[in-house]
Amino acid sequence: MTPAAIFTGLIFLIMMGVPIAISLGAISLYAMSDNVAALGLMAQRMYSSTTGFTLLAIPFFILAGNLMNTGGITDRIFRFAKASVGHYWGGLGQVNIFSSIIFSGMSGAAVADAAGLGKIEVKAMVDDGYDRPFAGAITAASSTIGPVIPPSIPFVIYGSMTGVSVGKLFLAGMVPGLMMAIAMAVAVNLISKKRNYPRREKSSIKERWVSFKEAFLALLTPVIIVGGILGGWFTPTEAAIIACLYALFLSGLVYKELSWAKLLHILEDTLLHTVRVMFIMATAGFFAWVLTMNAVPQTLVTAVTGMTDSPTLMLLLIIGVLLILGMFLEGVAVILICVPIFMPLVQIMGMDPIQFGVIMILASMIGLLSPPVGMCLFAVASISQVSVTVLSKEVIPYILGILAVLFLVAFIPALSITMTQLIG
């Protein structure tokens, strides 16, 4: 089966509404239908794609995010952020971004941020006089900071596929993640001035101190997780488990906002989310093997190098493909499909795989905000009671900001590599 036929079939199935995991598995089976021996390897390839030690971090980071959303941790983070930056132009919009920076150091998942902090943020912004579309858009956009600033579930997946150090990938995401936040803060400032949104009075020193004391133990979470990884005290997988234990300790014993009923619901939600992610990873692993068996990476390399020998044009082509795929596939699926295809080109370009990992994750974050499959848009649409169509228009300034960061990272390697060199 030709590469063109494989991708045409995959896109057709997805456009017909077939779930991504089923689409990947079905087209892989069809592509290998004339090879009975290869079909026997399907179960083996699916199993091996989901059993790496590093991948154990995924369910635990999902669980940590759910515990924080339910156990009162996110509420305290939001109150501290409001006392710290709520008086700037765009007040609660800036609070939204600042909260996401803090929360990103705990959960590693954009949808967890959007679903957890989003409920608090949208209600607070609407009550304070902000338009619902604006509140929903900045909530969806700021949630994409989560998978870029460590810890990060997409980085865990990318590292497990490429053999690149997950700790170094975490380091590489720090500066780009903060750049995303700055770009969004500038957009919020300009939009708020134009629309004359309200500004909160500056909190007193006493109010800031009280909010800081209430949130102090919660704010220690990213310090423990990131500091422990960078200090070499534990691996990213072990950090995810420690994050769960600490979140459970705070929610259940310190804040006393976690009941047994809530815990059972959290575990159920974590299980369902983990199964969805792992099912996609399993079928994507078989799909990647099928691509290799059909020489798709080699065909792509030959086609691209035949068009141009310029690393810059190659990189632009790769980014273009990632952005287009991100409009139709989940970020995890984009990573799983594209890594085995593009890594040979990355080697030809002489690019550091750590830098390419950051590029790939930034591109997939734009996909989370792009219709028709933007998961963060759909997550926030139900929370904010704003249609996906309206949110899609309102989120454009933030997409442009992330896109600017993406191109800066793509063409200025130091933005992603320097931290790994200084600390690694």
Protein backbone atom coordinates (compact mmCIF):
# COMPACT_ATOMS: atom_id res chain seq x y z
CA MET A 1 0.00 0.00 0.00
CA THR A 2 1.42 3.38 -1.01
CA PRO A 3 2.08 6.14 1.57
CA ALA A 4 -0.45 8.37 -0.18
CA ALA A 5 -3.14 5.68 0.10
CA ILE A 6 -2.38 5.13 3.80
CA PHE A 7 -2.74 8.81 4.71
CA THR A 8 -5.75 9.32 2.42
CA GLY A 9 -7.50 6.41 4.12
CA LEU A 10 -6.62 7.70 7.59
CA ILE A 11 -7.89 11.22 6.86
CA PHE A 12 -11.08 9.80 5.31
CA LEU A 13 -11.85 7.73 8.41
CA ILE A 14 -11.22 10.67 10.75
CA MET A 15 -13.39 13.01 8.63
CA MET A 16 -16.17 10.38 8.79
CA GLY A 17 -16.12 10.69 12.57
CA VAL A 18 -14.38 7.39 13.37
CA PRO A 19 -12.45 7.71 16.68
CA ILE A 20 -8.74 8.36 16.15
CA ALA A 21 -7.59 5.16 17.85
CA ILE A 22 -9.95 3.04 15.71
CA SER A 23 -8.93 4.94 12.56
CA LEU A 24 -5.23 4.30 13.20
CA GLY A 25 -5.80 0.62 13.90
CA ALA A 26 -8.17 0.04 10.96
CA ILE A 27 -5.96 1.66 8.32
CA SER A 28 -2.93 -0.21 9.71
CA LEU A 29 -4.74 -3.54 9.43
CA TYR A 30 -5.87 -2.75 5.90
CA ALA A 31 -2.36 -1.70 4.87
CA MET A 32 -0.97 -5.04 6.08
CA SER A 33 -3.94 -7.21 5.01
CA ASP A 34 -1.83 -9.01 2.41
CA ASN A 35 0.83 -9.95 4.97
CA VAL A 36 -0.55 -12.55 7.39
CA ALA A 37 2.73 -12.85 9.28
CA ALA A 38 2.81 -9.10 9.91
CA LEU A 39 -0.78 -9.11 11.16
CA GLY A 40 0.28 -11.50 13.89
CA LEU A 41 2.57 -8.81 15.26
CA MET A 42 -0.26 -6.31 15.84
CA ALA A 43 -0.89 -7.30 19.46
CA GLN A 44 2.84 -7.32 20.19
CA ARG A 45 3.38 -3.84 18.71
CA MET A 46 0.36 -2.40 20.52
CA TYR A 47 1.52 -3.90 23.82
CA SER A 48 5.12 -2.70 23.49
CA SER A 49 3.94 0.84 22.65
CA THR A 50 2.34 1.27 26.07
CA THR A 51 4.61 -0.56 28.50
CA GLY A 52 7.63 1.74 28.83
CA PHE A 53 8.53 2.71 32.40
CA THR A 54 8.48 6.41 31.48
CA LEU A 55 4.84 6.13 30.36
CA LEU A 56 3.80 5.30 33.93
CA ALA A 57 4.05 9.05 34.54
CA ILE A 58 0.97 9.69 32.38
CA PRO A 59 -1.78 8.21 34.61
CA PHE A 60 -0.17 9.64 37.73
CA PHE A 61 0.06 13.19 36.33
CA ILE A 62 -3.59 12.89 35.24
CA LEU A 63 -4.50 11.72 38.74
CA ALA A 64 -2.51 14.55 40.34
CA GLY A 65 -4.36 17.12 38.23
CA ASN A 66 -7.74 15.66 39.15
CA LEU A 67 -6.88 15.63 42.86
CA MET A 68 -5.82 19.28 42.73
CA ASN A 69 -8.98 20.33 40.88
CA THR A 70 -11.25 18.61 43.39
CA GLY A 71 -9.34 19.05 46.65
CA GLY A 72 -9.24 22.84 46.94
CA ILE A 73 -5.70 23.32 45.64
CA THR A 74 -6.70 25.16 42.46
CA ASP A 75 -9.05 27.47 44.42
CA ARG A 76 -6.18 28.66 46.60
CA ILE A 77 -3.87 29.10 43.63
CA PHE A 78 -6.48 31.26 41.90
CA ARG A 79 -6.99 33.46 44.98
CA PHE A 80 -3.23 33.98 45.29
CA ALA A 81 -2.94 34.84 41.59
CA LYS A 82 -5.82 37.32 41.87
CA ALA A 83 -4.16 39.10 44.79
CA SER A 84 -0.83 39.21 42.91
CA VAL A 85 -1.73 40.40 39.39
CA GLY A 86 -5.46 41.17 39.43
CA HIS A 87 -4.89 44.93 39.35
CA TYR A 88 -3.24 45.05 35.91
CA TRP A 89 -5.12 45.79 32.69
CA GLY A 90 -7.22 42.78 31.91
CA GLY A 91 -7.13 41.95 35.64
CA LEU A 92 -8.65 38.51 35.83
CA GLY A 93 -7.38 37.67 32.35
CA GLN A 94 -3.84 38.16 33.69
CA VAL A 95 -4.82 36.15 36.77
CA ASN A 96 -5.97 33.40 34.40
CA ILE A 97 -2.53 33.25 32.77
CA PHE A 98 -0.61 33.47 36.06
CA SER A 99 -2.71 30.65 37.55
CA SER A 100 -1.98 28.47 34.53
CA ILE A 101 1.76 29.04 34.93
CA ILE A 102 1.57 27.80 38.52
CA PHE A 103 -0.80 24.93 37.77
CA SER A 104 1.30 23.85 34.78
CA GLY A 105 4.01 22.86 37.24
CA MET A 106 1.67 20.28 38.72
CA SER A 107 -0.55 18.50 36.19
CA GLY A 108 1.26 18.52 32.83
CA ALA A 109 -2.03 18.36 30.88
CA ALA A 110 -3.80 21.20 29.06
CA VAL A 111 -7.27 19.70 29.31
CA ALA A 112 -6.86 19.20 33.08
CA ASP A 113 -6.02 22.90 33.41
CA ALA A 114 -8.93 23.95 31.19
CA ALA A 115 -11.44 21.74 33.00
CA GLY A 116 -10.21 22.42 36.54
CA LEU A 117 -9.08 26.03 36.79
CA GLY A 118 -11.46 26.93 33.94
CA LYS A 119 -14.57 26.46 36.06
CA ILE A 120 -13.27 28.92 38.63
CA GLU A 121 -11.79 31.40 36.16
CA VAL A 122 -14.71 31.78 33.78
CA LYS A 123 -17.24 32.30 36.58
CA ALA A 124 -15.01 34.86 38.32
CA MET A 125 -14.41 36.80 35.09
CA VAL A 126 -18.09 36.88 34.09
CA ASP A 127 -19.10 37.99 37.60
CA ASP A 128 -16.50 40.77 37.36
CA GLY A 129 -17.92 42.19 34.12
CA TYR A 130 -15.94 40.42 31.39
CA ASP A 131 -17.62 39.04 28.27
CA ARG A 132 -18.11 35.26 28.26
CA PRO A 133 -16.30 34.77 24.91
CA PHE A 134 -13.26 36.67 26.19
CA ALA A 135 -13.24 34.72 29.46
CA GLY A 136 -13.58 31.41 27.63
CA ALA A 137 -10.91 32.23 25.04
CA ILE A 138 -8.20 33.22 27.51
CA THR A 139 -9.06 30.20 29.69
CA ALA A 140 -8.63 27.84 26.72
CA ALA A 141 -5.46 29.59 25.53
CA SER A 142 -3.74 29.77 28.92
CA SER A 143 -4.37 26.06 29.53
CA THR A 144 -1.96 25.25 26.67
CA ILE A 145 0.90 26.58 28.81
CA GLY A 146 0.54 23.44 30.97
CA PRO A 147 2.14 20.88 28.63
CA VAL A 148 5.08 23.19 27.79
CA ILE A 149 6.25 24.22 31.27
CA PRO A 150 7.38 21.09 33.17
CA PRO A 151 6.08 18.59 34.01
CA SER A 152 4.50 17.66 30.68
CA ILE A 153 2.65 14.57 29.50
CA PRO A 154 3.43 15.24 25.78
CA PHE A 155 7.15 15.53 26.64
CA VAL A 156 6.95 12.19 28.46
CA ILE A 157 5.45 10.58 25.34
CA TYR A 158 7.98 12.21 23.00
CA GLY A 159 10.88 11.18 25.25
CA SER A 160 9.67 7.59 25.46
CA MET A 161 9.50 7.39 21.64
CA THR A 162 12.85 9.01 20.85
CA GLY A 163 14.98 7.99 23.82
CA VAL A 164 15.65 11.66 24.62
CA SER A 165 15.98 12.50 28.32
CA VAL A 166 12.59 13.55 29.67
CA GLY A 167 14.33 15.69 32.29
CA LYS A 168 16.14 17.64 29.56
CA LEU A 169 12.89 18.04 27.64
CA PHE A 170 11.30 19.47 30.79
CA LEU A 171 14.15 21.97 31.06
CA ALA A 172 13.83 22.88 27.38
CA GLY A 173 10.16 23.78 27.82
CA MET A 174 10.67 26.34 30.59
CA VAL A 175 11.64 29.40 28.52
CA PRO A 176 9.17 28.78 25.63
CA GLY A 177 6.38 28.25 28.18
CA LEU A 178 7.09 31.57 29.86
CA MET A 179 7.30 33.21 26.42
CA MET A 180 3.81 31.88 25.67
CA ALA A 181 2.53 33.42 28.90
CA ILE A 182 4.12 36.79 28.06
CA ALA A 183 2.61 36.77 24.55
CA MET A 184 -0.84 36.03 25.99
CA ALA A 185 -0.46 38.69 28.70
CA VAL A 186 0.34 41.32 26.05
CA ALA A 187 -2.73 40.25 24.02
CA VAL A 188 -4.97 40.43 27.11
CA ASN A 189 -3.60 43.90 27.94
CA LEU A 190 -4.29 45.27 24.46
CA ILE A 191 -7.76 43.72 24.16
CA SER A 192 -8.76 44.89 27.66
CA LYS A 193 -7.74 48.47 26.95
CA LYS A 194 -9.59 48.46 23.64
CA ARG A 195 -12.80 47.06 25.18
CA ASN A 196 -12.39 48.99 28.45
CA TYR A 197 -12.68 45.95 30.66
CA PRO A 198 -12.65 46.57 34.44
CA ARG A 199 -9.49 46.76 36.54
CA ARG A 200 -9.45 45.55 40.13
CA GLU A 201 -8.06 47.65 42.94
CA LYS A 202 -4.55 46.71 43.95
CA SER A 203 -4.59 44.24 46.83
CA SER A 204 -3.08 45.41 50.09
CA ILE A 205 0.08 43.86 51.42
CA LYS A 206 -2.01 42.14 54.10
CA GLU A 207 -4.39 40.62 51.49
CA ARG A 208 -1.45 39.36 49.45
CA TRP A 209 0.18 37.86 52.52
CA VAL A 210 -3.03 36.09 53.60
CA SER A 211 -3.57 34.64 50.09
CA PHE A 212 0.07 33.56 49.96
CA LYS A 213 -0.16 31.79 53.33
CA GLU A 214 -3.34 29.98 52.25
CA ALA A 215 -1.72 28.88 48.99
CA PHE A 216 1.80 28.25 50.32
CA LEU A 217 1.56 24.46 50.60
CA ALA A 218 -0.12 24.26 47.19
CA LEU A 219 2.60 26.45 45.67
CA LEU A 220 5.22 24.03 46.97
CA THR A 221 3.93 21.35 44.58
CA PRO A 222 5.76 22.56 41.44
CA VAL A 223 8.86 23.26 43.56
CA ILE A 224 8.88 19.67 44.81
CA ILE A 225 8.16 18.15 41.37
CA VAL A 226 10.48 20.23 39.17
CA GLY A 227 13.12 20.73 41.85
CA GLY A 228 13.26 17.01 42.57
CA ILE A 229 13.68 16.13 38.89
CA LEU A 230 16.35 18.77 38.28
CA GLY A 231 18.12 17.89 41.51
CA GLY A 232 18.33 14.25 40.46
CA TRP A 233 16.38 13.05 43.50
CA PHE A 234 13.79 11.22 41.41
CA THR A 235 12.82 10.50 37.81
CA PRO A 236 9.85 12.14 36.03
CA THR A 237 7.85 8.95 36.60
CA GLU A 238 8.62 8.98 40.32
CA ALA A 239 7.84 12.72 40.38
CA ALA A 240 4.34 11.99 39.08
CA ILE A 241 3.74 9.54 41.94
CA ILE A 242 5.07 12.03 44.50
CA ALA A 243 2.78 14.71 43.03
CA CYS A 244 -0.20 12.39 43.58
CA LEU A 245 0.79 11.61 47.16
CA TYR A 246 1.35 15.27 47.98
CA ALA A 247 -1.94 16.33 46.35
CA LEU A 248 -3.74 13.57 48.28
CA PHE A 249 -2.11 14.71 51.52
CA LEU A 250 -3.09 18.36 50.99
CA SER A 251 -6.63 17.67 49.77
CA GLY A 252 -7.53 15.02 52.31
CA LEU A 253 -5.62 15.82 55.49
CA VAL A 254 -4.73 19.53 55.32
CA TYR A 255 -7.60 21.19 53.43
CA LYS A 256 -10.07 18.37 54.27
CA GLU A 257 -11.99 18.90 51.02
CA LEU A 258 -11.61 15.38 49.67
CA SER A 259 -14.25 12.78 50.59
CA TRP A 260 -14.27 9.09 49.74
CA ALA A 261 -17.04 9.69 47.20
CA LYS A 262 -14.99 12.41 45.49
CA LEU A 263 -11.91 10.17 45.51
CA LEU A 264 -13.79 7.34 43.80
CA HIS A 265 -15.05 9.76 41.14
CA ILE A 266 -11.48 11.07 40.64
CA LEU A 267 -10.11 7.55 40.23
CA GLU A 268 -12.83 6.68 37.72
CA ASP A 269 -12.19 9.83 35.68
CA THR A 270 -8.42 9.21 35.77
CA LEU A 271 -8.92 5.62 34.61
CA LEU A 272 -11.11 6.66 31.67
CA HIS A 273 -8.71 9.44 30.60
CA THR A 274 -5.71 7.12 30.88
CA VAL A 275 -7.40 4.38 28.86
CA ARG A 276 -8.26 6.88 26.09
CA VAL A 277 -4.66 8.09 25.89
CA MET A 278 -3.15 4.60 26.06
CA PHE A 279 -5.53 3.19 23.45
CA ILE A 280 -4.43 5.89 21.02
CA MET A 281 -0.79 5.19 21.88
CA ALA A 282 -1.26 1.44 21.33
CA THR A 283 -2.81 1.74 17.86
CA ALA A 284 -0.43 4.56 16.95
CA GLY A 285 2.48 2.29 17.83
CA PHE A 286 1.21 -0.33 15.36
CA PHE A 287 0.57 2.43 12.80
CA ALA A 288 4.15 3.71 13.17
CA TRP A 289 5.46 0.16 12.60
CA VAL A 290 3.28 -0.18 9.50
CA LEU A 291 4.66 3.10 8.17
CA THR A 292 8.18 1.80 8.65
CA MET A 293 7.36 -1.50 6.94
CA ASN A 294 5.94 0.43 3.97
CA ALA A 295 9.05 2.68 3.84
CA VAL A 296 6.99 5.84 4.43
CA PRO A 297 9.73 7.71 6.35
CA GLN A 298 12.27 6.94 3.63
CA THR A 299 9.81 7.99 0.91
CA LEU A 300 9.11 11.26 2.72
CA VAL A 301 12.81 11.97 3.21
CA THR A 302 13.46 11.34 -0.49
CA ALA A 303 10.55 13.57 -1.51
CA VAL A 304 11.49 16.47 0.76
CA THR A 305 15.21 16.36 0.03
CA GLY A 306 14.35 16.18 -3.68
CA MET A 307 12.36 19.41 -3.34
CA THR A 308 14.98 21.32 -1.38
CA ASP A 309 18.25 20.87 0.45
CA SER A 310 17.65 23.95 2.62
CA PRO A 311 17.20 23.07 6.32
CA THR A 312 15.08 26.22 6.72
CA LEU A 313 12.59 25.18 4.04
CA MET A 314 12.52 21.63 5.40
CA LEU A 315 11.69 22.96 8.86
CA LEU A 316 8.94 25.21 7.47
CA LEU A 317 7.43 22.24 5.64
CA ILE A 318 7.47 20.15 8.82
CA ILE A 319 5.85 22.94 10.87
CA GLY A 320 3.19 23.37 8.19
CA VAL A 321 2.34 19.66 8.29
CA LEU A 322 2.22 19.67 12.11
CA LEU A 323 -0.15 22.66 12.17
CA ILE A 324 -2.46 21.14 9.57
CA LEU A 325 -2.56 17.75 11.33
CA GLY A 326 -3.20 19.54 14.64
CA MET A 327 -6.48 20.86 13.23
CA PHE A 328 -7.79 17.31 12.83
CA LEU A 329 -5.96 15.16 15.38
CA GLU A 330 -5.39 15.28 19.14
CA GLY A 331 -1.95 16.51 20.17
CA VAL A 332 -0.93 13.07 21.45
CA ALA A 333 -1.92 11.49 18.12
CA VAL A 334 0.10 14.09 16.17
CA ILE A 335 3.19 13.30 18.24
CA LEU A 336 2.73 9.53 17.92
CA ILE A 337 2.22 9.66 14.15
CA CYS A 338 4.81 12.29 13.24
CA VAL A 339 7.80 11.36 15.39
CA PRO A 340 8.75 8.21 13.42
CA ILE A 341 8.13 10.04 10.13
CA PHE A 342 10.02 13.27 10.81
CA MET A 343 12.96 12.10 12.93
CA PRO A 344 15.02 11.09 9.84
CA LEU A 345 14.52 14.62 8.46
CA VAL A 346 15.49 16.12 11.81
CA GLN A 347 18.76 14.17 11.65
CA ILE A 348 19.39 15.38 8.09
CA MET A 349 18.82 18.99 9.19
CA GLY A 350 21.24 18.51 12.07
CA MET A 351 18.66 19.73 14.57
CA ASP A 352 18.86 18.78 18.24
CA PRO A 353 15.97 16.35 18.96
CA ILE A 354 15.29 18.29 22.16
CA GLN A 355 14.65 21.45 20.15
CA PHE A 356 12.44 19.52 17.74
CA GLY A 357 10.48 18.11 20.68
CA VAL A 358 9.66 21.63 21.86
CA ILE A 359 8.65 22.62 18.31
CA MET A 360 6.35 19.62 18.06
CA ILE A 361 4.67 20.26 21.41
CA LEU A 362 4.15 23.98 20.62
CA ALA A 363 2.57 23.06 17.27
CA SER A 364 0.28 20.55 18.97
CA MET A 365 -0.79 23.24 21.47
CA ILE A 366 -2.00 25.37 18.55
CA GLY A 367 -3.96 22.31 17.44
CA LEU A 368 -5.71 22.20 20.84
CA LEU A 369 -7.10 25.66 20.05
CA SER A 370 -7.92 25.05 16.37
CA PRO A 371 -11.24 23.70 15.10
CA PRO A 372 -12.58 21.24 14.17
CA VAL A 373 -10.93 19.01 16.84
CA GLY A 374 -9.48 21.56 19.30
CA MET A 375 -9.98 19.70 22.59
CA CYS A 376 -9.40 22.75 24.81
CA LEU A 377 -12.02 24.68 22.84
CA PHE A 378 -14.59 21.95 23.42
CA ALA A 379 -13.65 21.59 27.10
CA VAL A 380 -14.04 25.34 27.73
CA ALA A 381 -17.13 25.72 25.50
CA SER A 382 -19.19 23.62 27.91
CA ILE A 383 -17.81 25.48 30.94
CA SER A 384 -18.25 29.00 29.54
CA GLN A 385 -21.54 28.30 27.71
CA VAL A 386 -20.05 29.81 24.55
CA SER A 387 -20.18 28.06 21.18
CA VAL A 388 -17.00 26.61 19.71
CA THR A 389 -17.47 28.85 16.66
CA VAL A 390 -17.43 32.02 18.76
CA LEU A 391 -14.50 30.77 20.86
CA SER A 392 -12.55 29.94 17.68
CA LYS A 393 -12.70 33.58 16.59
CA GLU A 394 -11.98 34.99 20.04
CA VAL A 395 -8.90 32.81 20.53
CA ILE A 396 -7.12 33.98 17.34
CA PRO A 397 -4.86 36.60 19.05
CA TYR A 398 -3.55 33.94 21.43
CA ILE A 399 -2.94 31.46 18.61
CA LEU A 400 -0.89 34.14 16.84
CA GLY A 401 1.11 34.63 20.04
CA ILE A 402 1.88 30.90 20.34
CA LEU A 403 2.72 30.80 16.62
CA ALA A 404 5.24 33.62 17.12
CA VAL A 405 6.86 31.69 19.99
CA LEU A 406 6.91 28.54 17.80
CA PHE A 407 8.86 30.27 15.03
CA LEU A 408 11.25 31.89 17.50
CA VAL A 409 12.01 28.50 19.06
CA ALA A 410 12.35 26.94 15.60
CA PHE A 411 14.95 29.42 14.38
CA ILE A 412 16.69 30.39 17.64
CA PRO A 413 17.86 27.07 19.15
CA ALA A 414 19.21 28.77 22.28
CA LEU A 415 15.65 29.43 23.51
CA SER A 416 15.11 25.72 24.08
CA ILE A 417 18.63 24.36 24.45
CA THR A 418 20.31 26.85 26.82
CA MET A 419 18.52 25.66 29.97
CA THR A 420 19.57 22.05 29.28
CA GLN A 421 23.16 23.17 28.93
CA LEU A 422 23.19 25.37 32.03
CA ILE A 423 21.46 22.94 34.39
CA GLY A 424 21.72 19.56 32.65
